[in-house]
Amino acid sequence: MGGSWEENEPLSEINVTPFVDVLLVLLIIFMVTAPIVNHVIQVDLPEDSYNKDVMKPLQEPLKLVIDKSGVLYIGKTRIGDSAEEESQIVLKDRVQQWTRGKKQPWLVDVEADEKVDYGSIVPVIARLKELDVSMNLVIRPKPK
């Protein structure tokens, strides 16, 4: 009845098994949701051997994307068919808004899928030239 002193002493060890279980579940949740949260417009960039980037932009460039069906995006916002006049007007307005309050040189990165018709890219380039905006055509470097 009167057990020893050691039996009545509170247990001072921490059981870390539930803690590790919770951390593993959280890790799995983050691994599954990360690709969903970072949804990106899928574009297969043309490949080339050019890989020298001599000019570092002073400010973050605006990102224009033309997917394989010719749809134009500014950042992640869908504008419409890149050859349509209405899309060209929206593009011109958005680029003018973006350039306000920014110092030159204004730089735009244009990512166009390699399967896009040349006619879908030309109107975008023409609007950027009209607005005196510099442009980079983004490519995928060849593996070494």
C-alpha atoms as a PDB file:
ATOM      1  CA  MET A   1       0.000   0.000   0.000  1.00  0.00           C
ATOM      2  CA  GLY A   2       2.668   2.485   0.812  1.00  0.00           C
ATOM      3  CA  GLY A   3       4.641   2.372  -2.419  1.00  0.00           C
ATOM      4  CA  SER A   4       8.082   3.729  -2.789  1.00  0.00           C
ATOM      5  CA  TRP A   5       8.843   7.394  -3.213  1.00  0.00           C
ATOM      6  CA  GLU A   6       9.776   6.925  -6.914  1.00  0.00           C
ATOM      7  CA  GLU A   7       6.341   5.590  -7.859  1.00  0.00           C
ATOM      8  CA  ASN A   8       4.531   8.701  -6.588  1.00  0.00           C
ATOM      9  CA  GLU A   9       6.863  11.201  -8.241  1.00  0.00           C
ATOM     10  CA  PRO A  10       5.356  12.934 -11.299  1.00  0.00           C
ATOM     11  CA  LEU A  11       6.689  11.866 -14.680  1.00  0.00           C
ATOM     12  CA  SER A  12       8.900  14.648 -16.042  1.00  0.00           C
ATOM     13  CA  GLU A  13       9.558  13.260 -19.526  1.00  0.00           C
ATOM     14  CA  ILE A  14       7.771  14.762 -22.535  1.00  0.00           C
ATOM     15  CA  ASN A  15       6.278  12.412 -25.073  1.00  0.00           C
ATOM     16  CA  VAL A  16       7.288  13.844 -28.480  1.00  0.00           C
ATOM     17  CA  THR A  17       5.504  11.226 -30.615  1.00  0.00           C
ATOM     18  CA  PRO A  18       2.240  13.209 -30.982  1.00  0.00           C
ATOM     19  CA  PHE A  19       4.254  16.346 -31.756  1.00  0.00           C
ATOM     20  CA  VAL A  20       6.169  14.575 -34.540  1.00  0.00           C
ATOM     21  CA  ASP A  21       2.912  13.128 -35.908  1.00  0.00           C
ATOM     22  CA  VAL A  22       1.352  16.591 -36.117  1.00  0.00           C
ATOM     23  CA  LEU A  23       4.443  18.014 -37.833  1.00  0.00           C
ATOM     24  CA  LEU A  24       4.439  15.242 -40.431  1.00  0.00           C
ATOM     25  CA  VAL A  25       0.751  15.819 -41.188  1.00  0.00           C
ATOM     26  CA  LEU A  26       1.397  19.569 -41.598  1.00  0.00           C
ATOM     27  CA  LEU A  27       4.356  18.856 -43.884  1.00  0.00           C
ATOM     28  CA  ILE A  28       2.193  16.655 -46.107  1.00  0.00           C
ATOM     29  CA  ILE A  29      -0.551  19.298 -46.224  1.00  0.00           C
ATOM     30  CA  PHE A  30       1.919  22.005 -47.287  1.00  0.00           C
ATOM     31  CA  MET A  31       3.494  19.744 -49.909  1.00  0.00           C
ATOM     32  CA  VAL A  32       0.089  19.039 -51.453  1.00  0.00           C
ATOM     33  CA  THR A  33      -1.225  22.620 -51.373  1.00  0.00           C
ATOM     34  CA  ALA A  34       1.932  24.451 -52.514  1.00  0.00           C
ATOM     35  CA  PRO A  35       1.544  23.601 -56.238  1.00  0.00           C
ATOM     36  CA  ILE A  36      -2.135  24.552 -56.111  1.00  0.00           C
ATOM     37  CA  VAL A  37      -1.429  27.954 -54.536  1.00  0.00           C
ATOM     38  CA  ASN A  38       1.376  28.721 -57.001  1.00  0.00           C
ATOM     39  CA  HIS A  39      -0.781  28.157 -60.086  1.00  0.00           C
ATOM     40  CA  VAL A  40       1.161  29.413 -63.081  1.00  0.00           C
ATOM     41  CA  ILE A  41       0.140  29.866 -66.705  1.00  0.00           C
ATOM     42  CA  GLN A  42       1.750  26.975 -68.576  1.00  0.00           C
ATOM     43  CA  VAL A  43       3.983  28.207 -71.398  1.00  0.00           C
ATOM     44  CA  ASP A  44       6.569  26.132 -73.277  1.00  0.00           C
ATOM     45  CA  LEU A  45       9.297  28.666 -73.972  1.00  0.00           C
ATOM     46  CA  PRO A  46      11.496  28.279 -77.043  1.00  0.00           C
ATOM     47  CA  GLU A  47      14.973  27.000 -76.332  1.00  0.00           C
ATOM     48  CA  ASP A  48      18.241  28.675 -77.315  1.00  0.00           C
ATOM     49  CA  SER A  49      21.900  28.710 -76.303  1.00  0.00           C
ATOM     50  CA  TYR A  50      21.888  32.394 -75.279  1.00  0.00           C
ATOM     51  CA  ASN A  51      22.381  32.683 -71.528  1.00  0.00           C
ATOM     52  CA  LYS A  52      24.214  35.956 -70.886  1.00  0.00           C
ATOM     53  CA  ASP A  53      22.119  38.450 -68.978  1.00  0.00           C
ATOM     54  CA  VAL A  54      24.271  41.578 -69.077  1.00  0.00           C
ATOM     55  CA  MET A  55      21.659  44.115 -67.997  1.00  0.00           C
ATOM     56  CA  LYS A  56      20.068  43.847 -64.578  1.00  0.00           C
ATOM     57  CA  PRO A  57      16.774  45.756 -64.405  1.00  0.00           C
ATOM     58  CA  LEU A  58      16.562  48.653 -61.964  1.00  0.00           C
ATOM     59  CA  GLN A  59      12.954  47.801 -61.199  1.00  0.00           C
ATOM     60  CA  GLU A  60      10.793  44.711 -61.446  1.00  0.00           C
ATOM     61  CA  PRO A  61       9.707  44.169 -65.084  1.00  0.00           C
ATOM     62  CA  LEU A  62       6.070  43.777 -66.065  1.00  0.00           C
ATOM     63  CA  LYS A  63       5.304  40.219 -67.167  1.00  0.00           C
ATOM     64  CA  LEU A  64       3.268  39.590 -70.337  1.00  0.00           C
ATOM     65  CA  VAL A  65       2.412  35.991 -71.242  1.00  0.00           C
ATOM     66  CA  ILE A  66       0.956  34.653 -74.498  1.00  0.00           C
ATOM     67  CA  ASP A  67      -0.131  31.032 -74.175  1.00  0.00           C
ATOM     68  CA  LYS A  68      -0.234  28.501 -77.015  1.00  0.00           C
ATOM     69  CA  SER A  69      -3.785  29.467 -78.007  1.00  0.00           C
ATOM     70  CA  GLY A  70      -2.788  33.157 -78.374  1.00  0.00           C
ATOM     71  CA  VAL A  71      -4.435  34.398 -75.163  1.00  0.00           C
ATOM     72  CA  LEU A  72      -2.667  37.388 -73.578  1.00  0.00           C
ATOM     73  CA  TYR A  73      -2.080  37.696 -69.826  1.00  0.00           C
ATOM     74  CA  ILE A  74      -0.637  40.603 -67.869  1.00  0.00           C
ATOM     75  CA  GLY A  75       0.883  38.952 -64.837  1.00  0.00           C
ATOM     76  CA  LYS A  76      -1.785  36.378 -64.002  1.00  0.00           C
ATOM     77  CA  THR A  77      -4.726  38.460 -65.282  1.00  0.00           C
ATOM     78  CA  ARG A  78      -6.310  37.198 -68.495  1.00  0.00           C
ATOM     79  CA  ILE A  79      -6.781  39.982 -71.065  1.00  0.00           C
ATOM     80  CA  GLY A  80      -8.046  38.098 -74.127  1.00  0.00           C
ATOM     81  CA  ASP A  81      -6.891  37.127 -77.608  1.00  0.00           C
ATOM     82  CA  SER A  82      -3.657  39.018 -78.257  1.00  0.00           C
ATOM     83  CA  ALA A  83      -4.645  39.888 -81.850  1.00  0.00           C
ATOM     84  CA  GLU A  84      -8.056  41.386 -81.002  1.00  0.00           C
ATOM     85  CA  GLU A  85      -8.382  45.165 -80.996  1.00  0.00           C
ATOM     86  CA  GLU A  86     -10.173  45.233 -77.629  1.00  0.00           C
ATOM     87  CA  SER A  87      -7.307  43.307 -76.014  1.00  0.00           C
ATOM     88  CA  GLN A  88      -4.822  45.738 -77.568  1.00  0.00           C
ATOM     89  CA  ILE A  89      -6.663  48.702 -76.021  1.00  0.00           C
ATOM     90  CA  VAL A  90      -6.685  47.023 -72.603  1.00  0.00           C
ATOM     91  CA  LEU A  91      -2.972  46.176 -72.977  1.00  0.00           C
ATOM     92  CA  LYS A  92      -2.114  49.759 -73.873  1.00  0.00           C
ATOM     93  CA  ASP A  93      -4.097  51.143 -70.909  1.00  0.00           C
ATOM     94  CA  ARG A  94      -2.585  48.685 -68.412  1.00  0.00           C
ATOM     95  CA  VAL A  95       0.979  49.344 -69.601  1.00  0.00           C
ATOM     96  CA  GLN A  96       0.405  53.117 -69.428  1.00  0.00           C
ATOM     97  CA  GLN A  97      -0.894  52.729 -65.860  1.00  0.00           C
ATOM     98  CA  TRP A  98       2.125  50.588 -64.990  1.00  0.00           C
ATOM     99  CA  THR A  99       4.604  53.144 -66.378  1.00  0.00           C
ATOM    100  CA  ARG A 100       3.111  56.055 -64.413  1.00  0.00           C
ATOM    101  CA  GLY A 101       5.317  56.961 -61.491  1.00  0.00           C
ATOM    102  CA  LYS A 102       8.166  54.703 -62.638  1.00  0.00           C
ATOM    103  CA  LYS A 103      11.466  55.880 -64.004  1.00  0.00           C
ATOM    104  CA  GLN A 104      12.690  54.801 -67.408  1.00  0.00           C
ATOM    105  CA  PRO A 105      13.834  52.361 -68.681  1.00  0.00           C
ATOM    106  CA  TRP A 106      10.527  50.539 -68.461  1.00  0.00           C
ATOM    107  CA  LEU A 107      11.106  46.854 -68.999  1.00  0.00           C
ATOM    108  CA  VAL A 108       8.571  44.196 -69.958  1.00  0.00           C
ATOM    109  CA  ASP A 109       9.259  40.451 -70.068  1.00  0.00           C
ATOM    110  CA  VAL A 110       7.275  38.790 -72.863  1.00  0.00           C
ATOM    111  CA  GLU A 111       6.833  35.030 -72.505  1.00  0.00           C
ATOM    112  CA  ALA A 112       5.286  33.469 -75.597  1.00  0.00           C
ATOM    113  CA  ASP A 113       4.688  29.758 -76.086  1.00  0.00           C
ATOM    114  CA  GLU A 114       6.809  28.328 -78.883  1.00  0.00           C
ATOM    115  CA  LYS A 115       3.662  27.194 -80.722  1.00  0.00           C
ATOM    116  CA  VAL A 116       2.145  30.703 -80.883  1.00  0.00           C
ATOM    117  CA  ASP A 117       1.675  32.237 -84.336  1.00  0.00           C
ATOM    118  CA  TYR A 118       3.955  35.144 -85.124  1.00  0.00           C
ATOM    119  CA  GLY A 119       0.828  37.194 -85.847  1.00  0.00           C
ATOM    120  CA  SER A 120      -0.231  36.877 -82.202  1.00  0.00           C
ATOM    121  CA  ILE A 121       3.048  38.341 -80.928  1.00  0.00           C
ATOM    122  CA  VAL A 122       3.416  41.241 -83.390  1.00  0.00           C
ATOM    123  CA  PRO A 123       0.496  43.376 -82.068  1.00  0.00           C
ATOM    124  CA  VAL A 124       1.844  43.087 -78.515  1.00  0.00           C
ATOM    125  CA  ILE A 125       5.322  44.154 -79.638  1.00  0.00           C
ATOM    126  CA  ALA A 126       3.834  47.058 -81.647  1.00  0.00           C
ATOM    127  CA  ARG A 127       1.891  48.382 -78.606  1.00  0.00           C
ATOM    128  CA  LEU A 128       5.032  48.202 -76.448  1.00  0.00           C
ATOM    129  CA  LYS A 129       7.065  50.082 -79.065  1.00  0.00           C
ATOM    130  CA  GLU A 130       4.352  52.761 -79.316  1.00  0.00           C
ATOM    131  CA  LEU A 131       4.631  53.282 -75.554  1.00  0.00           C
ATOM    132  CA  ASP A 132       8.464  53.415 -75.679  1.00  0.00           C
ATOM    133  CA  VAL A 133       8.762  50.356 -73.443  1.00  0.00           C
ATOM    134  CA  SER A 134      11.811  48.087 -73.644  1.00  0.00           C
ATOM    135  CA  MET A 135      11.096  44.414 -73.994  1.00  0.00           C
ATOM    136  CA  ASN A 136      12.759  41.063 -73.316  1.00  0.00           C
ATOM    137  CA  LEU A 137      11.559  38.005 -75.186  1.00  0.00           C
ATOM    138  CA  VAL A 138      12.006  35.287 -72.579  1.00  0.00           C
ATOM    139  CA  ILE A 139      13.563  32.002 -73.690  1.00  0.00           C
ATOM    140  CA  ARG A 140      14.514  28.762 -71.972  1.00  0.00           C
ATOM    141  CA  PRO A 141      18.292  28.220 -72.005  1.00  0.00           C
ATOM    142  CA  LYS A 142      19.595  24.949 -73.458  1.00  0.00           C
ATOM    143  CA  PRO A 143      20.980  22.578 -70.869  1.00  0.00           C
ATOM    144  CA  LYS A 144      24.771  22.459 -70.872  1.00  0.00           C
END
